[in-house]
Amino acid sequence: MQQIETDFGTLVTEEFNPVNANTKHDGVFVAGKNLLSTPYGDLVPQYASEDMGRRPRKPVYFYKDGRLKSLPLQEQTTITTSLGPIPAELLTFHPNGAIKRIFPLDGKLSGFWSWQNEKKLAIPLTVCTPAGTITMKAIGLQFYDNGSLKSITFWPGETAEITTPAGSMKARKGIAFYQDGTLRSCEPHAKTTVLTPIGEIKAYDNAANGIHGDRNSLEFHPDGSLATLKTIDNRITVDLGHGNIRTFSPGIQPNICGDERLISVPMEVGFEQDKVIIDQKHTFKKSACRFELTEHTTTALTTVAPCS
């Protein structure tokens, strides 16, 4: 046994094992019940695994300077945050001690425990965000080191009505914010018409990863202007003058699940001052070109996500 002093109290732990360390952090298993008094409430680090095997025992991780980095909790515990009380089974911290991420659940997925099983344990959260008050089941919430909200990742199938610089819309997957609270990005739940500097485009990403809500397909600059979107419904024709015309459309690819379907590949369109950037590699000056938007359709494709 050994004792480790933290900013929130003393931890009695097992001896250090290099297996739980790397160049960025050290990890140790807690030996028995310990109580840490934090600005977020009294916390008991995980010291035993659940009988059902959903939550195997995890080590507490520290930054190399000794500050807490990751703290699994023995039981789901209500945490005090800038958004109000949030239930948590796992916390991570910034180097300054502020909460970085909150995971309401921390079950280990396996052949015997699916994400659907885990989602059934999730409690709907109602939080007041800069994009409006929303209610959904969250996989995780991320915060800046000053305590302001950075992003929320939704469970699959969850949606929330939010206010964006492009208007009100229903979001899925997640939403993200700049440090001042301005909306940074969201993932439209359905095809949504967005007014862009070159005309109206239907924004939708049929292949959104959904792994986290930190980065989404509909993005905004800090001033609220449109930064990027993805579409599977519009074709862009660029007239550069002197008979030089280029056309860009969403792509196609075989379904990765191996069946005979072809799926649409979203085309990304970005806007930066006088620039229009297509698929991150074709850049045009808006003031020097003429842009025409037309509908992109095909009956040979499916627009659903791969393996859906």
C-alpha atoms as a PDB file:
ATOM      1  CA  MET A   1       0.000   0.000   0.000  1.00  0.00           C
ATOM      2  CA  GLN A   2       1.022   3.592  -0.539  1.00  0.00           C
ATOM      3  CA  GLN A   3      -0.456   7.048   0.009  1.00  0.00           C
ATOM      4  CA  ILE A   4      -0.723   9.651  -2.740  1.00  0.00           C
ATOM      5  CA  GLU A   5      -1.488  13.278  -1.977  1.00  0.00           C
ATOM      6  CA  THR A   6      -3.845  14.963  -4.451  1.00  0.00           C
ATOM      7  CA  ASP A   7      -5.345  18.460  -4.637  1.00  0.00           C
ATOM      8  CA  PHE A   8      -8.529  16.938  -3.217  1.00  0.00           C
ATOM      9  CA  GLY A   9      -7.180  14.701  -0.463  1.00  0.00           C
ATOM     10  CA  THR A  10      -5.145  11.564   0.212  1.00  0.00           C
ATOM     11  CA  LEU A  11      -5.551   8.346  -1.772  1.00  0.00           C
ATOM     12  CA  VAL A  12      -4.555   4.969  -0.347  1.00  0.00           C
ATOM     13  CA  THR A  13      -3.519   2.893  -3.349  1.00  0.00           C
ATOM     14  CA  GLU A  14      -1.843  -0.314  -4.362  1.00  0.00           C
ATOM     15  CA  GLU A  15       1.827  -0.192  -5.294  1.00  0.00           C
ATOM     16  CA  PHE A  16       2.624   1.538  -8.572  1.00  0.00           C
ATOM     17  CA  ASN A  17       2.656  -0.743 -11.626  1.00  0.00           C
ATOM     18  CA  PRO A  18       4.488   0.518 -14.751  1.00  0.00           C
ATOM     19  CA  VAL A  19       1.886  -1.283 -16.883  1.00  0.00           C
ATOM     20  CA  ASN A  20      -0.486   1.571 -16.025  1.00  0.00           C
ATOM     21  CA  ALA A  21       1.917   4.338 -17.067  1.00  0.00           C
ATOM     22  CA  ASN A  22       3.263   6.027 -20.179  1.00  0.00           C
ATOM     23  CA  THR A  23       5.202   9.188 -20.996  1.00  0.00           C
ATOM     24  CA  LYS A  24       2.185  11.397 -20.240  1.00  0.00           C
ATOM     25  CA  HIS A  25       0.624   9.898 -17.119  1.00  0.00           C
ATOM     26  CA  ASP A  26       0.869   7.386 -14.292  1.00  0.00           C
ATOM     27  CA  GLY A  27      -1.943   5.148 -13.077  1.00  0.00           C
ATOM     28  CA  VAL A  28      -2.601   3.219  -9.867  1.00  0.00           C
ATOM     29  CA  PHE A  29      -5.466   1.124  -8.535  1.00  0.00           C
ATOM     30  CA  VAL A  30      -7.163   2.404  -5.400  1.00  0.00           C
ATOM     31  CA  ALA A  31      -7.051   0.109  -2.356  1.00  0.00           C
ATOM     32  CA  GLY A  32     -10.348   0.291  -0.526  1.00  0.00           C
ATOM     33  CA  LYS A  33     -12.768   3.157  -0.053  1.00  0.00           C
ATOM     34  CA  ASN A  34     -11.265   6.668  -0.208  1.00  0.00           C
ATOM     35  CA  LEU A  35     -13.070  10.012  -0.084  1.00  0.00           C
ATOM     36  CA  LEU A  36     -11.902  13.030  -2.078  1.00  0.00           C
ATOM     37  CA  SER A  37     -13.419  16.430  -1.244  1.00  0.00           C
ATOM     38  CA  THR A  38     -13.553  18.453  -4.474  1.00  0.00           C
ATOM     39  CA  PRO A  39     -15.263  21.641  -5.685  1.00  0.00           C
ATOM     40  CA  TYR A  40     -17.584  19.287  -7.589  1.00  0.00           C
ATOM     41  CA  GLY A  41     -18.698  17.263  -4.560  1.00  0.00           C
ATOM     42  CA  ASP A  42     -17.359  14.417  -2.404  1.00  0.00           C
ATOM     43  CA  LEU A  43     -16.082  11.642  -4.676  1.00  0.00           C
ATOM     44  CA  VAL A  44     -15.243   7.991  -4.004  1.00  0.00           C
ATOM     45  CA  PRO A  45     -12.758   6.589  -6.564  1.00  0.00           C
ATOM     46  CA  GLN A  46     -13.527   3.136  -7.928  1.00  0.00           C
ATOM     47  CA  TYR A  47     -11.989   0.413  -5.769  1.00  0.00           C
ATOM     48  CA  ALA A  48     -14.064  -2.649  -6.770  1.00  0.00           C
ATOM     49  CA  SER A  49     -15.627  -3.941  -9.967  1.00  0.00           C
ATOM     50  CA  GLU A  50     -19.326  -4.666 -10.389  1.00  0.00           C
ATOM     51  CA  ASP A  51     -20.473  -8.254  -9.968  1.00  0.00           C
ATOM     52  CA  MET A  52     -22.190  -8.166 -13.367  1.00  0.00           C
ATOM     53  CA  GLY A  53     -18.882  -7.307 -15.047  1.00  0.00           C
ATOM     54  CA  ARG A  54     -20.195  -4.171 -16.750  1.00  0.00           C
ATOM     55  CA  ARG A  55     -17.560  -1.944 -15.139  1.00  0.00           C
ATOM     56  CA  PRO A  56     -14.209  -3.655 -14.659  1.00  0.00           C
ATOM     57  CA  ARG A  57     -11.905  -1.997 -12.157  1.00  0.00           C
ATOM     58  CA  LYS A  58      -9.941   0.930 -13.595  1.00  0.00           C
ATOM     59  CA  PRO A  59      -6.885   2.781 -12.284  1.00  0.00           C
ATOM     60  CA  VAL A  60      -6.823   6.427 -11.281  1.00  0.00           C
ATOM     61  CA  TYR A  61      -4.522   8.322 -13.643  1.00  0.00           C
ATOM     62  CA  PHE A  62      -2.269  11.280 -12.799  1.00  0.00           C
ATOM     63  CA  TYR A  63      -0.379  13.778 -14.912  1.00  0.00           C
ATOM     64  CA  LYS A  64       3.378  13.524 -14.517  1.00  0.00           C
ATOM     65  CA  ASP A  65       3.324  16.492 -12.122  1.00  0.00           C
ATOM     66  CA  GLY A  66       1.027  14.517  -9.787  1.00  0.00           C
ATOM     67  CA  ARG A  67      -2.281  16.210 -10.583  1.00  0.00           C
ATOM     68  CA  LEU A  68      -5.344  14.068 -11.195  1.00  0.00           C
ATOM     69  CA  LYS A  69      -6.044  13.271 -14.856  1.00  0.00           C
ATOM     70  CA  SER A  70      -8.713  10.542 -14.847  1.00  0.00           C
ATOM     71  CA  LEU A  71     -10.942   9.436 -11.974  1.00  0.00           C
ATOM     72  CA  PRO A  72     -13.314   6.434 -12.234  1.00  0.00           C
ATOM     73  CA  LEU A  73     -15.974   6.574  -9.519  1.00  0.00           C
ATOM     74  CA  GLN A  74     -17.214   3.628  -7.494  1.00  0.00           C
ATOM     75  CA  GLU A  75     -20.841   4.616  -8.031  1.00  0.00           C
ATOM     76  CA  GLN A  76     -22.612   7.070 -10.290  1.00  0.00           C
ATOM     77  CA  THR A  77     -22.266  10.388  -8.456  1.00  0.00           C
ATOM     78  CA  THR A  78     -23.865  13.780  -9.026  1.00  0.00           C
ATOM     79  CA  ILE A  79     -21.259  16.374 -10.053  1.00  0.00           C
ATOM     80  CA  THR A  80     -21.700  20.137  -9.665  1.00  0.00           C
ATOM     81  CA  THR A  81     -20.937  21.896 -12.983  1.00  0.00           C
ATOM     82  CA  SER A  82     -21.561  25.204 -14.745  1.00  0.00           C
ATOM     83  CA  LEU A  83     -24.581  23.486 -16.352  1.00  0.00           C
ATOM     84  CA  GLY A  84     -25.958  22.278 -13.038  1.00  0.00           C
ATOM     85  CA  PRO A  85     -25.821  18.784 -11.498  1.00  0.00           C
ATOM     86  CA  ILE A  86     -24.623  16.019 -13.871  1.00  0.00           C
ATOM     87  CA  PRO A  87     -24.391  12.288 -12.972  1.00  0.00           C
ATOM     88  CA  ALA A  88     -20.963  10.733 -13.556  1.00  0.00           C
ATOM     89  CA  GLU A  89     -19.194   7.382 -13.447  1.00  0.00           C
ATOM     90  CA  LEU A  90     -15.940   8.722 -14.933  1.00  0.00           C
ATOM     91  CA  LEU A  91     -14.276  12.138 -14.765  1.00  0.00           C
ATOM     92  CA  THR A  92     -11.217  13.537 -16.500  1.00  0.00           C
ATOM     93  CA  PHE A  93      -9.415  16.729 -15.515  1.00  0.00           C
ATOM     94  CA  HIS A  94      -7.432  19.527 -17.136  1.00  0.00           C
ATOM     95  CA  PRO A  95      -3.900  20.103 -15.790  1.00  0.00           C
ATOM     96  CA  ASN A  96      -5.255  23.085 -13.786  1.00  0.00           C
ATOM     97  CA  GLY A  97      -7.662  20.767 -11.908  1.00  0.00           C
ATOM     98  CA  ALA A  98     -10.841  21.807 -13.731  1.00  0.00           C
ATOM     99  CA  ILE A  99     -13.112  19.087 -15.068  1.00  0.00           C
ATOM    100  CA  LYS A 100     -12.406  18.242 -18.703  1.00  0.00           C
ATOM    101  CA  ARG A 101     -14.918  15.473 -19.445  1.00  0.00           C
ATOM    102  CA  ILE A 102     -17.867  13.897 -17.653  1.00  0.00           C
ATOM    103  CA  PHE A 103     -19.136  10.462 -18.623  1.00  0.00           C
ATOM    104  CA  PRO A 104     -22.488   9.676 -16.988  1.00  0.00           C
ATOM    105  CA  LEU A 105     -21.880   5.975 -17.724  1.00  0.00           C
ATOM    106  CA  ASP A 106     -18.635   4.051 -18.092  1.00  0.00           C
ATOM    107  CA  GLY A 107     -19.605   0.490 -18.923  1.00  0.00           C
ATOM    108  CA  LYS A 108     -17.321  -1.708 -21.021  1.00  0.00           C
ATOM    109  CA  LEU A 109     -18.968  -2.859 -24.253  1.00  0.00           C
ATOM    110  CA  SER A 110     -18.534  -6.507 -25.179  1.00  0.00           C
ATOM    111  CA  GLY A 111     -20.282  -9.382 -26.884  1.00  0.00           C
ATOM    112  CA  PHE A 112     -22.371  -9.702 -23.731  1.00  0.00           C
ATOM    113  CA  TRP A 113     -23.004  -5.989 -23.151  1.00  0.00           C
ATOM    114  CA  SER A 114     -23.969  -3.809 -26.136  1.00  0.00           C
ATOM    115  CA  TRP A 115     -24.255  -0.046 -26.447  1.00  0.00           C
ATOM    116  CA  GLN A 116     -28.019  -0.578 -26.506  1.00  0.00           C
ATOM    117  CA  ASN A 117     -27.774  -2.220 -23.057  1.00  0.00           C
ATOM    118  CA  GLU A 118     -25.678   0.683 -21.814  1.00  0.00           C
ATOM    119  CA  LYS A 119     -28.031   3.310 -23.234  1.00  0.00           C
ATOM    120  CA  LYS A 120     -30.956   1.807 -21.328  1.00  0.00           C
ATOM    121  CA  LEU A 121     -29.145   2.773 -18.112  1.00  0.00           C
ATOM    122  CA  ALA A 122     -28.707   6.388 -19.246  1.00  0.00           C
ATOM    123  CA  ILE A 123     -30.811   9.055 -17.546  1.00  0.00           C
ATOM    124  CA  PRO A 124     -32.195  11.881 -19.739  1.00  0.00           C
ATOM    125  CA  LEU A 125     -30.407  15.132 -18.906  1.00  0.00           C
ATOM    126  CA  THR A 126     -31.885  18.609 -19.183  1.00  0.00           C
ATOM    127  CA  VAL A 127     -29.135  21.205 -19.546  1.00  0.00           C
ATOM    128  CA  CYS A 128     -29.174  24.899 -20.363  1.00  0.00           C
ATOM    129  CA  THR A 129     -26.652  25.390 -23.180  1.00  0.00           C
ATOM    130  CA  PRO A 130     -25.784  28.531 -25.166  1.00  0.00           C
ATOM    131  CA  ALA A 131     -27.860  26.975 -27.997  1.00  0.00           C
ATOM    132  CA  GLY A 132     -30.917  26.599 -25.764  1.00  0.00           C
ATOM    133  CA  THR A 133     -32.203  24.266 -23.072  1.00  0.00           C
ATOM    134  CA  ILE A 134     -32.101  20.683 -24.321  1.00  0.00           C
ATOM    135  CA  THR A 135     -33.103  17.280 -22.995  1.00  0.00           C
ATOM    136  CA  MET A 136     -31.353  14.113 -24.231  1.00  0.00           C
ATOM    137  CA  LYS A 137     -29.288  11.140 -23.115  1.00  0.00           C
ATOM    138  CA  ALA A 138     -25.610  12.080 -23.248  1.00  0.00           C
ATOM    139  CA  ILE A 139     -22.596   9.819 -23.693  1.00  0.00           C
ATOM    140  CA  GLY A 140     -20.291  12.569 -22.489  1.00  0.00           C
ATOM    141  CA  LEU A 141     -19.863  16.287 -21.858  1.00  0.00           C
ATOM    142  CA  GLN A 142     -16.629  18.209 -22.395  1.00  0.00           C
ATOM    143  CA  PHE A 143     -15.599  21.485 -20.735  1.00  0.00           C
ATOM    144  CA  TYR A 144     -12.914  24.107 -21.281  1.00  0.00           C
ATOM    145  CA  ASP A 145     -10.438  24.668 -18.455  1.00  0.00           C
ATOM    146  CA  ASN A 146     -12.436  27.722 -17.325  1.00  0.00           C
ATOM    147  CA  GLY A 147     -15.541  25.550 -16.793  1.00  0.00           C
ATOM    148  CA  SER A 148     -17.508  26.623 -19.858  1.00  0.00           C
ATOM    149  CA  LEU A 149     -19.148  23.959 -22.020  1.00  0.00           C
ATOM    150  CA  LYS A 150     -17.131  22.708 -25.007  1.00  0.00           C
ATOM    151  CA  SER A 151     -19.278  19.891 -26.392  1.00  0.00           C
ATOM    152  CA  ILE A 152     -21.978  17.305 -25.721  1.00  0.00           C
ATOM    153  CA  THR A 153     -22.034  13.879 -27.367  1.00  0.00           C
ATOM    154  CA  PHE A 154     -25.496  12.329 -27.723  1.00  0.00           C
ATOM    155  CA  TRP A 155     -26.357   8.652 -27.544  1.00  0.00           C
ATOM    156  CA  PRO A 156     -27.357   7.195 -30.955  1.00  0.00           C
ATOM    157  CA  GLY A 157     -30.999   7.955 -31.661  1.00  0.00           C
ATOM    158  CA  GLU A 158     -31.068  11.043 -29.420  1.00  0.00           C
ATOM    159  CA  THR A 159     -31.928  14.461 -30.844  1.00  0.00           C
ATOM    160  CA  ALA A 160     -32.358  17.989 -29.501  1.00  0.00           C
ATOM    161  CA  GLU A 161     -33.857  21.177 -30.876  1.00  0.00           C
ATOM    162  CA  ILE A 162     -31.201  23.918 -30.868  1.00  0.00           C
ATOM    163  CA  THR A 163     -30.770  27.509 -32.002  1.00  0.00           C
ATOM    164  CA  THR A 164     -27.987  28.099 -34.540  1.00  0.00           C
ATOM    165  CA  PRO A 165     -26.794  31.062 -36.639  1.00  0.00           C
ATOM    166  CA  ALA A 166     -28.501  29.264 -39.557  1.00  0.00           C
ATOM    167  CA  GLY A 167     -31.812  29.026 -37.690  1.00  0.00           C
ATOM    168  CA  SER A 168     -33.485  26.541 -35.378  1.00  0.00           C
ATOM    169  CA  MET A 169     -32.961  22.876 -36.206  1.00  0.00           C
ATOM    170  CA  LYS A 170     -32.980  19.418 -34.708  1.00  0.00           C
ATOM    171  CA  ALA A 171     -29.470  18.102 -33.988  1.00  0.00           C
ATOM    172  CA  ARG A 172     -28.183  14.556 -33.572  1.00  0.00           C
ATOM    173  CA  LYS A 173     -24.790  13.076 -32.624  1.00  0.00           C
ATOM    174  CA  GLY A 174     -23.638  16.184 -30.747  1.00  0.00           C
ATOM    175  CA  ILE A 175     -23.056  19.927 -30.504  1.00  0.00           C
ATOM    176  CA  ALA A 176     -19.883  21.941 -29.837  1.00  0.00           C
ATOM    177  CA  PHE A 177     -19.142  25.488 -28.667  1.00  0.00           C
ATOM    178  CA  TYR A 178     -16.375  28.054 -28.679  1.00  0.00           C
ATOM    179  CA  GLN A 179     -15.103  29.120 -25.275  1.00  0.00           C
ATOM    180  CA  ASP A 180     -17.288  32.259 -25.277  1.00  0.00           C
ATOM    181  CA  GLY A 181     -20.406  30.121 -25.774  1.00  0.00           C
ATOM    182  CA  THR A 182     -20.837  30.727 -29.497  1.00  0.00           C
ATOM    183  CA  LEU A 183     -22.010  27.610 -31.345  1.00  0.00           C
ATOM    184  CA  ARG A 184     -19.085  25.983 -33.144  1.00  0.00           C
ATOM    185  CA  SER A 185     -20.738  23.003 -34.819  1.00  0.00           C
ATOM    186  CA  CYS A 186     -23.725  20.664 -34.839  1.00  0.00           C
ATOM    187  CA  GLU A 187     -24.946  17.630 -36.740  1.00  0.00           C
ATOM    188  CA  PRO A 188     -28.302  18.173 -38.478  1.00  0.00           C
ATOM    189  CA  HIS A 189     -30.772  15.371 -37.798  1.00  0.00           C
ATOM    190  CA  ALA A 190     -32.364  15.717 -41.229  1.00  0.00           C
ATOM    191  CA  LYS A 191     -31.603  17.438 -44.518  1.00  0.00           C
ATOM    192  CA  THR A 192     -31.699  21.120 -43.641  1.00  0.00           C
ATOM    193  CA  THR A 193     -31.666  24.019 -46.097  1.00  0.00           C
ATOM    194  CA  VAL A 194     -28.921  26.469 -45.145  1.00  0.00           C
ATOM    195  CA  LEU A 195     -28.330  29.860 -46.752  1.00  0.00           C
ATOM    196  CA  THR A 196     -24.667  30.067 -47.775  1.00  0.00           C
ATOM    197  CA  PRO A 197     -22.602  32.794 -49.489  1.00  0.00           C
ATOM    198  CA  ILE A 198     -23.273  31.038 -52.836  1.00  0.00           C
ATOM    199  CA  GLY A 199     -26.945  30.177 -52.321  1.00  0.00           C
ATOM    200  CA  GLU A 200     -29.123  27.640 -50.504  1.00  0.00           C
ATOM    201  CA  ILE A 201     -27.610  24.193 -49.876  1.00  0.00           C
ATOM    202  CA  LYS A 202     -29.190  21.189 -48.159  1.00  0.00           C
ATOM    203  CA  ALA A 203     -26.889  20.338 -45.280  1.00  0.00           C
ATOM    204  CA  TYR A 204     -26.691  16.707 -44.187  1.00  0.00           C
ATOM    205  CA  ASP A 205     -23.962  14.151 -43.526  1.00  0.00           C
ATOM    206  CA  ASN A 206     -25.239  10.622 -44.043  1.00  0.00           C
ATOM    207  CA  ALA A 207     -21.899   9.233 -42.806  1.00  0.00           C
ATOM    208  CA  ALA A 208     -21.427  11.247 -39.601  1.00  0.00           C
ATOM    209  CA  ASN A 209     -19.187   9.184 -37.311  1.00  0.00           C
ATOM    210  CA  GLY A 210     -21.076   9.815 -34.081  1.00  0.00           C
ATOM    211  CA  ILE A 211     -18.044   8.865 -31.984  1.00  0.00           C
ATOM    212  CA  HIS A 212     -18.021  12.257 -30.290  1.00  0.00           C
ATOM    213  CA  GLY A 213     -19.710  15.632 -30.606  1.00  0.00           C
ATOM    214  CA  ASP A 214     -16.507  17.696 -30.563  1.00  0.00           C
ATOM    215  CA  ARG A 215     -16.511  18.158 -34.341  1.00  0.00           C
ATOM    216  CA  ASN A 216     -19.626  18.086 -36.536  1.00  0.00           C
ATOM    217  CA  SER A 217     -20.414  18.630 -40.204  1.00  0.00           C
ATOM    218  CA  LEU A 218     -22.236  21.972 -39.899  1.00  0.00           C
ATOM    219  CA  GLU A 219     -19.624  24.409 -38.588  1.00  0.00           C
ATOM    220  CA  PHE A 220     -19.619  28.126 -37.882  1.00  0.00           C
ATOM    221  CA  HIS A 221     -16.876  30.721 -37.486  1.00  0.00           C
ATOM    222  CA  PRO A 222     -16.602  32.518 -34.110  1.00  0.00           C
ATOM    223  CA  ASP A 223     -18.552  35.478 -35.570  1.00  0.00           C
ATOM    224  CA  GLY A 224     -21.472  33.172 -36.419  1.00  0.00           C
ATOM    225  CA  SER A 225     -20.867  33.067 -40.157  1.00  0.00           C
ATOM    226  CA  LEU A 226     -20.969  29.708 -41.923  1.00  0.00           C
ATOM    227  CA  ALA A 227     -17.650  27.821 -41.991  1.00  0.00           C
ATOM    228  CA  THR A 228     -18.411  24.403 -43.522  1.00  0.00           C
ATOM    229  CA  LEU A 229     -21.251  22.046 -44.295  1.00  0.00           C
ATOM    230  CA  LYS A 230     -21.701  18.719 -46.032  1.00  0.00           C
ATOM    231  CA  THR A 231     -24.310  17.834 -48.630  1.00  0.00           C
ATOM    232  CA  ILE A 232     -25.458  14.825 -50.633  1.00  0.00           C
ATOM    233  CA  ASP A 233     -28.188  16.760 -52.460  1.00  0.00           C
ATOM    234  CA  ASN A 234     -26.459  19.602 -54.319  1.00  0.00           C
ATOM    235  CA  ARG A 235     -24.145  19.941 -57.293  1.00  0.00           C
ATOM    236  CA  ILE A 236     -21.949  23.047 -57.644  1.00  0.00           C
ATOM    237  CA  THR A 237     -20.957  24.452 -61.022  1.00  0.00           C
ATOM    238  CA  VAL A 238     -18.150  27.016 -60.931  1.00  0.00           C
ATOM    239  CA  ASP A 239     -17.740  29.393 -63.882  1.00  0.00           C
ATOM    240  CA  LEU A 240     -14.193  30.800 -63.796  1.00  0.00           C
ATOM    241  CA  GLY A 241     -14.701  32.798 -66.990  1.00  0.00           C
ATOM    242  CA  HIS A 242     -13.331  32.396 -70.504  1.00  0.00           C
ATOM    243  CA  GLY A 243     -15.242  29.143 -70.928  1.00  0.00           C
ATOM    244  CA  ASN A 244     -13.540  27.490 -67.960  1.00  0.00           C
ATOM    245  CA  ILE A 245     -16.290  25.635 -66.090  1.00  0.00           C
ATOM    246  CA  ARG A 246     -15.883  23.043 -63.348  1.00  0.00           C
ATOM    247  CA  THR A 247     -18.569  20.905 -61.722  1.00  0.00           C
ATOM    248  CA  PHE A 248     -18.484  19.232 -58.304  1.00  0.00           C
ATOM    249  CA  SER A 249     -20.908  16.644 -56.934  1.00  0.00           C
ATOM    250  CA  PRO A 250     -21.216  14.292 -53.953  1.00  0.00           C
ATOM    251  CA  GLY A 251     -19.402  11.022 -54.563  1.00  0.00           C
ATOM    252  CA  ILE A 252     -20.349   7.366 -54.454  1.00  0.00           C
ATOM    253  CA  GLN A 253     -18.711   4.301 -52.972  1.00  0.00           C
ATOM    254  CA  PRO A 254     -19.574   0.644 -52.319  1.00  0.00           C
ATOM    255  CA  ASN A 255     -21.196  -0.116 -48.998  1.00  0.00           C
ATOM    256  CA  ILE A 256     -18.434  -1.179 -46.587  1.00  0.00           C
ATOM    257  CA  CYS A 257     -20.730  -3.915 -45.253  1.00  0.00           C
ATOM    258  CA  GLY A 258     -20.194  -5.835 -48.481  1.00  0.00           C
ATOM    259  CA  ASP A 259     -23.684  -5.841 -49.967  1.00  0.00           C
ATOM    260  CA  GLU A 260     -24.402  -4.580 -53.471  1.00  0.00           C
ATOM    261  CA  ARG A 261     -25.639  -1.134 -52.487  1.00  0.00           C
ATOM    262  CA  LEU A 262     -23.778   2.028 -53.369  1.00  0.00           C
ATOM    263  CA  ILE A 263     -23.828   4.850 -50.845  1.00  0.00           C
ATOM    264  CA  SER A 264     -23.515   8.608 -51.248  1.00  0.00           C
ATOM    265  CA  VAL A 265     -20.313  10.294 -50.096  1.00  0.00           C
ATOM    266  CA  PRO A 266     -21.028  13.825 -48.813  1.00  0.00           C
ATOM    267  CA  MET A 267     -19.373  16.782 -50.526  1.00  0.00           C
ATOM    268  CA  GLU A 268     -17.878  19.298 -48.078  1.00  0.00           C
ATOM    269  CA  VAL A 269     -18.202  23.001 -48.850  1.00  0.00           C
ATOM    270  CA  GLY A 270     -16.249  25.551 -46.828  1.00  0.00           C
ATOM    271  CA  PHE A 271     -16.391  29.349 -46.665  1.00  0.00           C
ATOM    272  CA  GLU A 272     -13.583  31.616 -45.496  1.00  0.00           C
ATOM    273  CA  GLN A 273     -13.787  35.350 -46.261  1.00  0.00           C
ATOM    274  CA  ASP A 274     -13.800  35.508 -50.093  1.00  0.00           C
ATOM    275  CA  LYS A 275     -12.910  31.846 -50.520  1.00  0.00           C
ATOM    276  CA  VAL A 276     -15.143  28.896 -51.374  1.00  0.00           C
ATOM    277  CA  ILE A 277     -13.402  25.593 -50.615  1.00  0.00           C
ATOM    278  CA  ILE A 278     -14.795  22.323 -51.957  1.00  0.00           C
ATOM    279  CA  ASP A 279     -13.762  19.018 -50.373  1.00  0.00           C
ATOM    280  CA  GLN A 280     -10.845  20.805 -48.653  1.00  0.00           C
ATOM    281  CA  LYS A 281      -8.769  20.949 -51.857  1.00  0.00           C
ATOM    282  CA  HIS A 282     -10.509  23.039 -54.517  1.00  0.00           C
ATOM    283  CA  THR A 283     -10.390  26.751 -53.639  1.00  0.00           C
ATOM    284  CA  PHE A 284     -12.112  29.532 -55.587  1.00  0.00           C
ATOM    285  CA  LYS A 285     -12.468  33.284 -55.047  1.00  0.00           C
ATOM    286  CA  LYS A 286     -16.150  34.074 -54.664  1.00  0.00           C
ATOM    287  CA  SER A 287     -15.656  37.553 -56.117  1.00  0.00           C
ATOM    288  CA  ALA A 288     -13.970  36.193 -59.250  1.00  0.00           C
ATOM    289  CA  CYS A 289     -16.290  33.266 -60.062  1.00  0.00           C
ATOM    290  CA  ARG A 290     -19.931  32.555 -60.665  1.00  0.00           C
ATOM    291  CA  PHE A 291     -21.491  29.683 -58.733  1.00  0.00           C
ATOM    292  CA  GLU A 292     -24.589  27.746 -59.726  1.00  0.00           C
ATOM    293  CA  LEU A 293     -26.317  25.273 -57.427  1.00  0.00           C
ATOM    294  CA  THR A 294     -28.439  22.464 -58.828  1.00  0.00           C
ATOM    295  CA  GLU A 295     -30.091  19.411 -57.344  1.00  0.00           C
ATOM    296  CA  HIS A 296     -28.004  16.242 -57.268  1.00  0.00           C
ATOM    297  CA  THR A 297     -30.114  13.108 -57.500  1.00  0.00           C
ATOM    298  CA  THR A 298     -29.640   9.479 -58.390  1.00  0.00           C
ATOM    299  CA  THR A 299     -31.931   6.507 -57.968  1.00  0.00           C
ATOM    300  CA  ALA A 300     -29.038   4.067 -57.873  1.00  0.00           C
ATOM    301  CA  LEU A 301     -27.780   5.141 -54.458  1.00  0.00           C
ATOM    302  CA  THR A 302     -28.848   4.885 -50.885  1.00  0.00           C
ATOM    303  CA  THR A 303     -28.336   7.951 -48.695  1.00  0.00           C
ATOM    304  CA  VAL A 304     -28.394   6.089 -45.412  1.00  0.00           C
ATOM    305  CA  ALA A 305     -25.275   5.543 -43.371  1.00  0.00           C
ATOM    306  CA  PRO A 306     -23.077   2.525 -44.143  1.00  0.00           C
ATOM    307  CA  CYS A 307     -24.280  -0.722 -42.502  1.00  0.00           C
ATOM    308  CA  SER A 308     -27.611   0.851 -41.542  1.00  0.00           C
END
